[in-house]
């Protein structure tokens, strides 16, 4: 069976959490490698994702020690959308409230992300 690897870069402006992680991952740039397997149909050829790895502390080409964790691309995409929403909310709040109030809202956002038992999907349902 033929396998190919696709690398994508995800940039987060805020710390984020993924299911199964006890701590938030810091804001920053992350490389995600997705391994896909060739799947042949009667009249077509396609690649199906087999697994995706999020690399922490380095890139696939660096010699530095790194940690790779198994991730769901759907959950990672949701975390990226939530990161963009948080950025928009903070921009709107910044225009309407004082700096002290903005600091308080930022603290509330950070405190709500610390909960390790919650799935990132819970933020969407609220």
Protein backbone atom coordinates (compact mmCIF):
# COMPACT_ATOMS: atom_id res chain seq x y z
CA UNK A 1 0.00 0.00 0.00
CA UNK A 2 1.34 3.43 -0.94
CA UNK A 3 1.58 6.09 1.80
CA UNK A 4 2.19 9.82 1.46
CA UNK A 5 2.85 12.55 4.03
CA UNK A 6 1.34 16.03 3.95
CA UNK A 7 2.71 18.78 6.22
CA UNK A 8 0.63 21.78 7.28
CA UNK A 9 1.43 24.72 9.55
CA UNK A 10 -1.06 25.93 12.17
CA UNK A 11 -0.58 29.31 13.89
CA UNK A 12 -2.35 30.01 17.19
CA UNK A 13 -2.45 33.49 18.72
CA UNK A 14 -3.76 32.20 22.06
CA UNK A 15 -3.10 29.09 24.19
CA UNK A 16 -5.39 26.21 23.23
CA UNK A 17 -6.43 22.81 24.50
CA UNK A 18 -7.03 19.50 22.76
CA UNK A 19 -9.03 16.56 24.09
CA UNK A 20 -6.91 14.29 26.23
CA UNK A 21 -4.37 16.98 27.13
CA UNK A 22 -4.11 17.95 30.79
CA UNK A 23 -2.57 21.35 30.02
CA UNK A 24 -3.06 24.03 27.41
CA UNK A 25 -0.61 24.17 24.55
CA UNK A 26 1.01 27.60 24.24
CA UNK A 27 0.27 30.04 21.44
CA UNK A 28 2.66 29.62 18.54
CA UNK A 29 3.32 27.87 15.27
CA UNK A 30 2.87 24.11 15.02
CA UNK A 31 3.70 21.67 12.23
CA UNK A 32 1.15 18.91 11.63
CA UNK A 33 2.03 15.88 9.52
CA UNK A 34 -0.80 13.79 8.10
CA UNK A 35 -0.08 10.31 6.78
CA UNK A 36 -2.43 9.14 4.04
CA UNK A 37 -2.88 5.70 2.52
CA UNK A 38 -3.71 5.06 -1.13
CA UNK A 39 -7.26 3.76 -1.56
CA UNK A 40 -8.19 2.51 -5.02
CA UNK A 41 -11.81 2.36 -6.12
CA UNK A 42 -13.29 0.93 -9.33
CA UNK A 43 -12.97 4.16 -11.28
CA UNK A 44 -10.88 6.42 -9.04
CA UNK A 45 -7.79 6.64 -6.86
CA UNK A 46 -7.78 8.64 -3.63
CA UNK A 47 -5.76 8.99 -0.44
CA UNK A 48 -7.42 8.46 2.96
CA UNK A 49 -5.93 10.00 6.13
CA UNK A 50 -4.53 7.37 8.49
CA UNK A 51 -3.12 9.53 11.29
CA UNK A 52 -2.07 13.10 12.02
CA UNK A 53 0.75 14.18 14.35
CA UNK A 54 1.17 17.60 15.93
CA UNK A 55 4.84 18.35 16.54
CA UNK A 56 5.78 20.27 19.67
CA UNK A 57 9.25 21.77 20.23
CA UNK A 58 10.63 21.78 16.75
CA UNK A 59 9.86 21.12 13.13
CA UNK A 60 10.16 17.90 11.14
CA UNK A 61 13.53 19.03 9.73
CA UNK A 62 15.12 20.23 13.00
CA UNK A 63 17.56 18.17 15.04
CA UNK A 64 16.12 19.44 18.33
CA UNK A 65 14.24 16.98 20.51
CA UNK A 66 10.51 17.15 19.94
CA UNK A 67 7.29 15.59 21.07
CA UNK A 68 4.63 14.41 18.65
CA UNK A 69 1.04 13.87 19.71
CA UNK A 70 -1.76 12.16 17.82
CA UNK A 71 -4.47 14.68 16.87
CA UNK A 72 -7.74 14.83 15.02
CA UNK A 73 -7.62 17.30 12.13
CA UNK A 74 -11.26 18.23 12.79
CA UNK A 75 -10.51 19.07 16.42
CA UNK A 76 -7.40 21.03 15.41
CA UNK A 77 -9.41 23.01 12.85
CA UNK A 78 -12.04 23.74 15.53
CA UNK A 79 -9.32 24.95 17.92
CA UNK A 80 -8.04 27.27 15.17
CA UNK A 81 -11.56 28.67 14.59
CA UNK A 82 -11.98 29.22 18.34
CA UNK A 83 -8.62 31.03 18.36
CA UNK A 84 -9.82 33.37 15.59
CA UNK A 85 -13.13 33.98 17.41
CA UNK A 86 -11.25 34.84 20.62
CA UNK A 87 -9.13 37.33 18.68
CA UNK A 88 -12.23 38.99 17.21
CA UNK A 89 -13.95 39.12 20.62
CA UNK A 90 -10.93 40.75 22.20
CA UNK A 91 -10.75 43.31 19.39
CA UNK A 92 -14.41 44.22 19.88
CA UNK A 93 -14.03 44.42 23.63
CA UNK A 94 -10.92 46.55 23.32
CA UNK A 95 -12.87 49.22 21.45
CA UNK A 96 -15.67 49.43 24.04
CA UNK A 97 -14.12 48.98 27.48
CA UNK A 98 -11.30 50.30 29.64
CA UNK A 99 -7.91 48.62 29.88
CA UNK A 100 -8.70 47.35 33.39
CA UNK A 101 -11.92 45.72 32.15
CA UNK A 102 -10.06 44.22 29.19
CA UNK A 103 -7.48 42.72 31.55
CA UNK A 104 -10.27 41.19 33.61
CA UNK A 105 -11.91 39.65 30.50
CA UNK A 106 -8.52 38.23 29.44
CA UNK A 107 -8.13 36.62 32.88
CA UNK A 108 -11.60 35.08 32.59
CA UNK A 109 -10.75 33.64 29.14
CA UNK A 110 -7.49 32.17 30.48
CA UNK A 111 -9.24 30.68 33.52
CA UNK A 112 -11.91 29.06 31.36
CA UNK A 113 -9.27 27.40 29.17
CA UNK A 114 -7.43 25.85 32.13
CA UNK A 115 -10.11 23.23 32.73
CA UNK A 116 -8.57 20.01 31.43
CA UNK A 117 -11.73 17.92 31.75
CA UNK A 118 -13.63 19.93 29.18
CA UNK A 119 -13.61 19.19 25.50
CA UNK A 120 -12.97 22.13 23.16
CA UNK A 121 -16.40 21.35 21.72
CA UNK A 122 -17.96 22.55 24.98
CA UNK A 123 -16.99 26.13 24.11
CA UNK A 124 -19.02 25.89 20.90
CA UNK A 125 -22.13 24.66 22.68
CA UNK A 126 -22.20 27.50 25.24
